[in-house]
């Protein structure tokens, strides 16, 4: 399966996304609305974060025990397609709503992290911090796609 690579984000964009995602995850809708209204590029940044999280977490082989290698490849392809469908829906939403889509995109990221990426011993904030730390590292060590 091909590796999905993205152009690195700037450190400032990663920090903005991290802070906004935590605001949304904490349920602070008033502050989230204020931040989104002040930053018309926020939805773009959140789409970039969502792509890295969703496509990054769905683009590799799945660790499935007791399944034939062929079935594992097919299952991995379905999971990748589900990730692409989610991203298509977020892109469509953004195309229709523009910068006003930022809080909803952030909510989708938080839900995805909370329901898909969070292990029983951690919470969504831990996952968001881990993802943003990875993105910040990537931003500081810009690699060409």
N, C-alpha and C. Protein backbone atom coordinates (compact mmCIF):
# COMPACT_ATOMS: atom_id res chain seq x y z
N UNK A 1 0.84 -1.17 0.00
CA UNK A 1 0.00 0.00 0.00
C UNK A 1 0.89 1.24 0.00
N UNK A 2 0.60 2.25 -0.82
CA UNK A 2 1.48 3.42 -0.89
C UNK A 2 1.41 4.25 0.39
N UNK A 3 2.53 4.87 0.72
CA UNK A 3 2.59 5.76 1.86
C UNK A 3 2.03 7.11 1.45
N UNK A 4 1.20 7.68 2.28
CA UNK A 4 0.62 8.99 2.00
C UNK A 4 1.50 10.03 2.66
N UNK A 5 2.00 10.99 1.85
CA UNK A 5 2.88 12.04 2.36
C UNK A 5 2.23 13.39 2.13
N UNK A 6 2.46 14.29 3.07
CA UNK A 6 1.90 15.63 2.99
C UNK A 6 3.03 16.64 3.12
N UNK A 7 2.83 17.80 2.53
CA UNK A 7 3.77 18.90 2.78
C UNK A 7 3.65 19.27 4.25
N UNK A 8 4.77 19.55 4.92
CA UNK A 8 4.69 19.86 6.35
C UNK A 8 3.91 21.14 6.61
N UNK A 9 3.28 21.18 7.76
CA UNK A 9 2.58 22.38 8.21
C UNK A 9 3.60 23.28 8.90
N UNK A 10 3.25 24.54 9.08
CA UNK A 10 4.12 25.43 9.84
C UNK A 10 3.90 25.18 11.33
N UNK A 11 4.92 25.45 12.15
CA UNK A 11 4.73 25.27 13.60
C UNK A 11 3.56 26.11 14.13
N UNK A 12 3.40 27.33 13.63
CA UNK A 12 2.30 28.18 14.08
C UNK A 12 0.94 27.58 13.78
N UNK A 13 0.81 26.98 12.59
CA UNK A 13 -0.47 26.35 12.22
C UNK A 13 -0.76 25.16 13.12
N UNK A 14 0.26 24.38 13.44
CA UNK A 14 0.07 23.22 14.31
C UNK A 14 -0.37 23.67 15.70
N UNK A 15 0.26 24.70 16.23
CA UNK A 15 -0.09 25.19 17.56
C UNK A 15 -1.51 25.75 17.57
N UNK A 16 -1.86 26.50 16.53
CA UNK A 16 -3.22 27.03 16.41
C UNK A 16 -4.24 25.88 16.38
N UNK A 17 -3.95 24.87 15.57
CA UNK A 17 -4.86 23.72 15.47
C UNK A 17 -4.98 23.01 16.81
N UNK A 18 -3.85 22.79 17.48
CA UNK A 18 -3.87 22.10 18.78
C UNK A 18 -4.74 22.86 19.77
N UNK A 19 -4.52 24.15 19.88
CA UNK A 19 -5.28 24.95 20.84
C UNK A 19 -6.77 24.94 20.50
N UNK A 20 -7.09 25.06 19.22
CA UNK A 20 -8.50 25.08 18.81
C UNK A 20 -9.15 23.72 19.06
N UNK A 21 -8.45 22.65 18.74
CA UNK A 21 -9.00 21.31 18.96
C UNK A 21 -9.27 21.07 20.44
N UNK A 22 -8.37 21.51 21.31
CA UNK A 22 -8.60 21.36 22.75
C UNK A 22 -9.79 22.21 23.20
N UNK A 23 -9.94 23.39 22.63
CA UNK A 23 -11.08 24.24 22.97
C UNK A 23 -12.39 23.53 22.61
N UNK A 24 -12.43 22.95 21.42
CA UNK A 24 -13.63 22.23 20.98
C UNK A 24 -13.83 20.97 21.84
N UNK A 25 -12.75 20.23 22.09
CA UNK A 25 -12.86 19.01 22.90
C UNK A 25 -13.36 19.31 24.31
N UNK A 26 -13.00 20.48 24.83
CA UNK A 26 -13.45 20.88 26.17
C UNK A 26 -14.89 21.40 26.18
N UNK A 27 -15.49 21.51 24.98
CA UNK A 27 -16.88 21.96 24.90
C UNK A 27 -17.05 23.47 25.01
N UNK A 28 -15.98 24.23 24.87
CA UNK A 28 -16.04 25.68 24.99
C UNK A 28 -16.45 26.29 23.64
N UNK A 29 -17.73 26.19 23.33
CA UNK A 29 -18.22 26.61 22.02
C UNK A 29 -18.13 28.12 21.82
N UNK A 30 -18.27 28.90 22.87
CA UNK A 30 -18.19 30.36 22.74
C UNK A 30 -16.79 30.78 22.31
N UNK A 31 -15.77 30.25 22.98
CA UNK A 31 -14.39 30.58 22.62
C UNK A 31 -14.06 30.04 21.24
N UNK A 32 -14.53 28.85 20.92
CA UNK A 32 -14.29 28.27 19.59
C UNK A 32 -14.88 29.15 18.50
N UNK A 33 -16.08 29.66 18.72
CA UNK A 33 -16.72 30.53 17.73
C UNK A 33 -15.94 31.84 17.57
N UNK A 34 -15.44 32.39 18.67
CA UNK A 34 -14.64 33.62 18.60
C UNK A 34 -13.34 33.40 17.82
N UNK A 35 -12.66 32.31 18.13
CA UNK A 35 -11.40 32.01 17.45
C UNK A 35 -11.64 31.80 15.97
N UNK A 36 -12.66 31.03 15.63
CA UNK A 36 -12.97 30.74 14.23
C UNK A 36 -13.33 32.01 13.47
N UNK A 37 -14.04 32.92 14.11
CA UNK A 37 -14.43 34.17 13.46
C UNK A 37 -13.22 35.07 13.19
N UNK A 38 -12.20 34.97 14.03
CA UNK A 38 -11.02 35.81 13.89
C UNK A 38 -9.98 35.24 12.93
N UNK A 39 -10.07 33.97 12.59
CA UNK A 39 -9.05 33.34 11.75
C UNK A 39 -9.69 32.65 10.56
N UNK A 40 -9.76 33.34 9.42
CA UNK A 40 -10.41 32.75 8.24
C UNK A 40 -9.63 31.58 7.64
N UNK A 41 -8.39 31.36 8.05
CA UNK A 41 -7.61 30.23 7.53
C UNK A 41 -7.72 29.00 8.40
N UNK A 42 -8.42 29.10 9.52
CA UNK A 42 -8.48 27.99 10.47
C UNK A 42 -9.07 26.72 9.86
N UNK A 43 -10.09 26.84 9.06
CA UNK A 43 -10.70 25.66 8.43
C UNK A 43 -9.69 24.95 7.52
N UNK A 44 -8.88 25.73 6.80
CA UNK A 44 -7.84 25.13 5.95
C UNK A 44 -6.85 24.33 6.79
N UNK A 45 -6.44 24.92 7.90
CA UNK A 45 -5.49 24.25 8.80
C UNK A 45 -6.10 22.96 9.35
N UNK A 46 -7.36 23.02 9.73
CA UNK A 46 -8.03 21.85 10.30
C UNK A 46 -8.22 20.75 9.26
N UNK A 47 -8.48 21.12 8.02
CA UNK A 47 -8.56 20.12 6.95
C UNK A 47 -7.21 19.42 6.80
N UNK A 48 -6.13 20.18 6.86
CA UNK A 48 -4.78 19.59 6.76
C UNK A 48 -4.52 18.64 7.92
N UNK A 49 -4.95 19.02 9.12
CA UNK A 49 -4.78 18.15 10.29
C UNK A 49 -5.63 16.89 10.13
N UNK A 50 -6.87 17.06 9.71
CA UNK A 50 -7.75 15.90 9.52
C UNK A 50 -7.18 14.93 8.50
N UNK A 51 -6.64 15.45 7.41
CA UNK A 51 -6.04 14.56 6.40
C UNK A 51 -4.92 13.73 7.02
N UNK A 52 -4.07 14.37 7.79
CA UNK A 52 -2.95 13.65 8.40
C UNK A 52 -3.43 12.60 9.38
N UNK A 53 -4.43 12.95 10.17
CA UNK A 53 -4.93 12.01 11.18
C UNK A 53 -5.70 10.87 10.51
N UNK A 54 -6.67 11.21 9.69
CA UNK A 54 -7.55 10.18 9.11
C UNK A 54 -6.81 9.32 8.10
N UNK A 55 -6.18 9.96 7.12
CA UNK A 55 -5.50 9.16 6.09
C UNK A 55 -4.26 8.48 6.64
N UNK A 56 -3.59 9.13 7.59
CA UNK A 56 -2.43 8.50 8.22
C UNK A 56 -2.81 7.27 9.03
N UNK A 57 -3.97 7.30 9.66
CA UNK A 57 -4.37 6.17 10.50
C UNK A 57 -5.10 5.08 9.73
N UNK A 58 -5.44 5.34 8.47
CA UNK A 58 -6.16 4.33 7.69
C UNK A 58 -5.36 3.81 6.50
N UNK A 59 -4.11 4.26 6.34
CA UNK A 59 -3.38 3.93 5.12
C UNK A 59 -2.41 2.77 5.25
N UNK A 60 -2.34 2.13 6.37
CA UNK A 60 -1.40 1.03 6.53
C UNK A 60 -2.11 -0.29 6.73
N UNK A 61 -1.33 -1.36 6.78
CA UNK A 61 -1.94 -2.66 7.03
C UNK A 61 -2.51 -2.71 8.46
N UNK A 62 -3.62 -3.38 8.58
CA UNK A 62 -4.28 -3.49 9.88
C UNK A 62 -3.71 -4.68 10.65
N UNK A 63 -3.45 -4.50 11.94
CA UNK A 63 -2.95 -5.61 12.75
C UNK A 63 -4.10 -6.52 13.18
N UNK A 64 -4.52 -7.39 12.29
CA UNK A 64 -5.66 -8.27 12.57
C UNK A 64 -5.14 -9.70 12.74
N UNK A 65 -5.33 -10.25 13.93
CA UNK A 65 -4.92 -11.63 14.19
C UNK A 65 -5.97 -12.60 13.67
N UNK A 66 -5.54 -13.74 13.22
CA UNK A 66 -6.45 -14.80 12.81
C UNK A 66 -7.13 -14.56 11.48
N UNK A 67 -6.61 -13.63 10.69
CA UNK A 67 -7.19 -13.35 9.38
C UNK A 67 -6.12 -13.62 8.33
N UNK A 68 -6.53 -14.21 7.24
CA UNK A 68 -5.57 -14.50 6.19
C UNK A 68 -4.94 -13.22 5.68
N UNK A 69 -3.72 -13.29 5.14
CA UNK A 69 -3.08 -12.09 4.59
C UNK A 69 -3.93 -11.42 3.50
N UNK A 70 -4.58 -12.24 2.66
CA UNK A 70 -5.42 -11.68 1.60
C UNK A 70 -6.60 -10.92 2.20
N UNK A 71 -7.26 -11.49 3.20
CA UNK A 71 -8.39 -10.82 3.84
C UNK A 71 -7.93 -9.55 4.56
N UNK A 72 -6.73 -9.58 5.15
CA UNK A 72 -6.19 -8.41 5.83
C UNK A 72 -5.96 -7.27 4.84
N UNK A 73 -5.47 -7.59 3.65
CA UNK A 73 -5.24 -6.57 2.61
C UNK A 73 -6.57 -5.97 2.17
N UNK A 74 -7.57 -6.81 1.96
CA UNK A 74 -8.88 -6.33 1.55
C UNK A 74 -9.49 -5.44 2.63
N UNK A 75 -9.40 -5.88 3.88
CA UNK A 75 -9.92 -5.09 5.00
C UNK A 75 -9.20 -3.74 5.08
N UNK A 76 -7.88 -3.75 4.91
CA UNK A 76 -7.11 -2.51 4.94
C UNK A 76 -7.55 -1.56 3.84
N UNK A 77 -7.86 -2.10 2.66
CA UNK A 77 -8.32 -1.26 1.55
C UNK A 77 -9.68 -0.64 1.86
N UNK A 78 -10.56 -1.39 2.49
CA UNK A 78 -11.87 -0.84 2.88
C UNK A 78 -11.70 0.26 3.92
N UNK A 79 -10.83 0.06 4.88
CA UNK A 79 -10.61 1.07 5.91
C UNK A 79 -10.05 2.34 5.28
N UNK A 80 -9.11 2.20 4.34
CA UNK A 80 -8.57 3.37 3.65
C UNK A 80 -9.68 4.10 2.89
N UNK A 81 -10.56 3.37 2.24
CA UNK A 81 -11.66 4.00 1.51
C UNK A 81 -12.61 4.73 2.47
N UNK A 82 -12.84 4.16 3.64
CA UNK A 82 -13.67 4.85 4.63
C UNK A 82 -13.01 6.16 5.05
N UNK A 83 -11.71 6.14 5.24
CA UNK A 83 -10.98 7.36 5.57
C UNK A 83 -11.09 8.39 4.46
N UNK A 84 -10.98 7.93 3.23
CA UNK A 84 -11.13 8.85 2.09
C UNK A 84 -12.54 9.41 2.01
N UNK A 85 -13.54 8.59 2.30
CA UNK A 85 -14.93 9.07 2.30
C UNK A 85 -15.13 10.15 3.36
N UNK A 86 -14.58 9.94 4.54
CA UNK A 86 -14.68 10.95 5.59
C UNK A 86 -14.02 12.25 5.13
N UNK A 87 -12.83 12.14 4.53
CA UNK A 87 -12.16 13.35 4.06
C UNK A 87 -12.93 14.02 2.93
N UNK A 88 -13.52 13.24 2.03
CA UNK A 88 -14.35 13.83 0.98
C UNK A 88 -15.51 14.61 1.58
N UNK A 89 -16.14 14.04 2.62
CA UNK A 89 -17.26 14.72 3.27
C UNK A 89 -16.81 16.01 3.94
N UNK A 90 -15.64 16.00 4.59
CA UNK A 90 -15.13 17.21 5.22
C UNK A 90 -14.78 18.27 4.18
N UNK A 91 -14.18 17.84 3.07
CA UNK A 91 -13.86 18.78 1.99
C UNK A 91 -15.13 19.39 1.40
N UNK A 92 -16.16 18.58 1.20
CA UNK A 92 -17.43 19.07 0.67
C UNK A 92 -18.06 20.07 1.63
N UNK A 93 -18.05 19.73 2.90
CA UNK A 93 -18.59 20.61 3.93
C UNK A 93 -17.86 21.95 3.89
N UNK A 94 -16.52 21.89 3.83
CA UNK A 94 -15.71 23.11 3.79
C UNK A 94 -16.01 23.91 2.51
N UNK A 95 -16.17 23.23 1.38
CA UNK A 95 -16.47 23.92 0.12
C UNK A 95 -17.79 24.66 0.21
N UNK A 96 -18.75 24.10 0.94
CA UNK A 96 -20.06 24.72 1.06
C UNK A 96 -20.12 25.81 2.13
N UNK A 97 -19.40 25.61 3.23
CA UNK A 97 -19.51 26.53 4.37
C UNK A 97 -18.33 27.48 4.49
N UNK A 98 -17.21 27.17 3.84
CA UNK A 98 -16.03 28.03 3.94
C UNK A 98 -15.47 28.06 5.35
N UNK A 99 -14.91 29.21 5.75
CA UNK A 99 -14.30 29.32 7.07
C UNK A 99 -15.25 29.01 8.23
N UNK A 100 -16.55 29.16 8.02
CA UNK A 100 -17.52 28.87 9.08
C UNK A 100 -17.56 27.38 9.43
N UNK A 101 -16.96 26.54 8.60
CA UNK A 101 -16.95 25.10 8.86
C UNK A 101 -15.93 24.70 9.92
N UNK A 102 -15.05 25.61 10.32
CA UNK A 102 -13.96 25.27 11.25
C UNK A 102 -14.43 24.56 12.52
N UNK A 103 -15.42 25.07 13.25
CA UNK A 103 -15.83 24.34 14.47
C UNK A 103 -16.34 22.93 14.18
N UNK A 104 -17.08 22.75 13.10
CA UNK A 104 -17.58 21.42 12.77
C UNK A 104 -16.48 20.46 12.35
N UNK A 105 -15.50 20.97 11.61
CA UNK A 105 -14.36 20.14 11.22
C UNK A 105 -13.59 19.73 12.46
N UNK A 106 -13.40 20.68 13.38
CA UNK A 106 -12.71 20.37 14.63
C UNK A 106 -13.47 19.32 15.43
N UNK A 107 -14.79 19.44 15.48
CA UNK A 107 -15.61 18.46 16.20
C UNK A 107 -15.46 17.08 15.57
N UNK A 108 -15.41 17.02 14.23
CA UNK A 108 -15.22 15.74 13.54
C UNK A 108 -13.86 15.13 13.89
N UNK A 109 -12.83 15.96 13.96
CA UNK A 109 -11.49 15.47 14.35
C UNK A 109 -11.51 14.94 15.77
N UNK A 110 -12.12 15.69 16.67
CA UNK A 110 -12.20 15.27 18.08
C UNK A 110 -12.96 13.96 18.20
N UNK A 111 -14.09 13.83 17.51
CA UNK A 111 -14.86 12.59 17.54
C UNK A 111 -14.06 11.42 16.98
N UNK A 112 -13.37 11.65 15.87
CA UNK A 112 -12.57 10.59 15.26
C UNK A 112 -11.47 10.14 16.23
N UNK A 113 -10.78 11.10 16.81
CA UNK A 113 -9.72 10.75 17.76
C UNK A 113 -10.29 10.02 18.97
N UNK A 114 -11.41 10.51 19.47
CA UNK A 114 -12.01 9.91 20.66
C UNK A 114 -12.57 8.52 20.44
N UNK A 115 -13.15 8.30 19.27
CA UNK A 115 -13.80 7.01 19.01
C UNK A 115 -12.90 5.99 18.32
N UNK A 116 -11.97 6.46 17.52
CA UNK A 116 -11.16 5.53 16.72
C UNK A 116 -9.74 5.38 17.28
N UNK A 117 -9.12 6.46 17.68
CA UNK A 117 -7.70 6.41 18.04
C UNK A 117 -7.41 6.31 19.52
N UNK A 118 -8.41 6.50 20.36
CA UNK A 118 -8.17 6.51 21.80
C UNK A 118 -8.24 5.10 22.37
N UNK A 119 -7.17 4.71 23.06
CA UNK A 119 -7.13 3.43 23.76
C UNK A 119 -7.87 3.57 25.09
N UNK A 120 -8.27 2.44 25.69
CA UNK A 120 -9.02 2.51 26.96
C UNK A 120 -8.29 3.24 28.09
N UNK A 121 -6.96 3.24 28.07
CA UNK A 121 -6.21 3.86 29.17
C UNK A 121 -5.86 5.34 28.93
N UNK A 122 -6.33 5.92 27.84
CA UNK A 122 -6.03 7.33 27.57
C UNK A 122 -7.32 8.06 27.21
N UNK A 123 -7.24 9.38 27.18
CA UNK A 123 -8.41 10.14 26.76
C UNK A 123 -8.08 10.90 25.48
N UNK A 124 -9.09 11.53 24.93
CA UNK A 124 -8.95 12.21 23.65
C UNK A 124 -7.88 13.29 23.71
N UNK A 125 -7.77 14.00 24.83
CA UNK A 125 -6.76 15.05 24.96
C UNK A 125 -5.36 14.47 24.79
N UNK A 126 -5.12 13.25 25.33
CA UNK A 126 -3.82 12.60 25.16
C UNK A 126 -3.53 12.35 23.69
N UNK A 127 -4.53 11.85 22.97
CA UNK A 127 -4.36 11.55 21.54
C UNK A 127 -4.11 12.83 20.77
N UNK A 128 -4.89 13.88 21.04
CA UNK A 128 -4.69 15.16 20.36
C UNK A 128 -3.28 15.70 20.62
N UNK A 129 -2.82 15.60 21.87
CA UNK A 129 -1.47 16.07 22.19
C UNK A 129 -0.42 15.26 21.44
N UNK A 130 -0.61 13.95 21.38
CA UNK A 130 0.34 13.09 20.68
C UNK A 130 0.38 13.43 19.19
N UNK A 131 -0.79 13.58 18.58
CA UNK A 131 -0.87 13.91 17.15
C UNK A 131 -0.22 15.26 16.89
N UNK A 132 -0.54 16.25 17.71
CA UNK A 132 0.00 17.59 17.49
C UNK A 132 1.50 17.64 17.76
N UNK A 133 2.00 16.86 18.71
CA UNK A 133 3.44 16.78 18.94
C UNK A 133 4.13 16.20 17.70
N UNK A 134 3.53 15.18 17.12
CA UNK A 134 4.08 14.60 15.89
C UNK A 134 4.08 15.62 14.76
N UNK A 135 2.97 16.35 14.59
CA UNK A 135 2.88 17.36 13.54
C UNK A 135 3.86 18.50 13.78
N UNK A 136 4.07 18.88 15.03
CA UNK A 136 5.01 19.94 15.35
C UNK A 136 6.44 19.50 15.04
N UNK A 137 6.76 18.26 15.39
CA UNK A 137 8.07 17.71 15.06
C UNK A 137 8.27 17.73 13.53
N UNK A 138 7.24 17.30 12.81
CA UNK A 138 7.28 17.29 11.36
C UNK A 138 7.47 18.71 10.81
N UNK A 139 6.80 19.69 11.42
CA UNK A 139 6.90 21.08 10.97
C UNK A 139 8.29 21.66 11.20
N UNK A 140 8.91 21.26 12.30
CA UNK A 140 10.27 21.75 12.58
C UNK A 140 11.33 21.06 11.75
N UNK A 141 11.04 19.89 11.26
CA UNK A 141 11.98 19.11 10.43
C UNK A 141 11.37 18.91 9.07
N UNK A 142 11.09 20.01 8.39
CA UNK A 142 10.39 19.97 7.10
C UNK A 142 11.08 19.01 6.14
N UNK A 143 10.29 18.03 5.71
CA UNK A 143 10.79 17.10 4.68
C UNK A 143 9.98 17.35 3.43
N UNK A 144 10.58 17.17 2.33
CA UNK A 144 9.86 17.38 1.07
C UNK A 144 9.00 16.17 0.77
N UNK A 145 7.80 16.42 0.24
CA UNK A 145 6.90 15.30 -0.06
C UNK A 145 7.38 14.47 -1.21
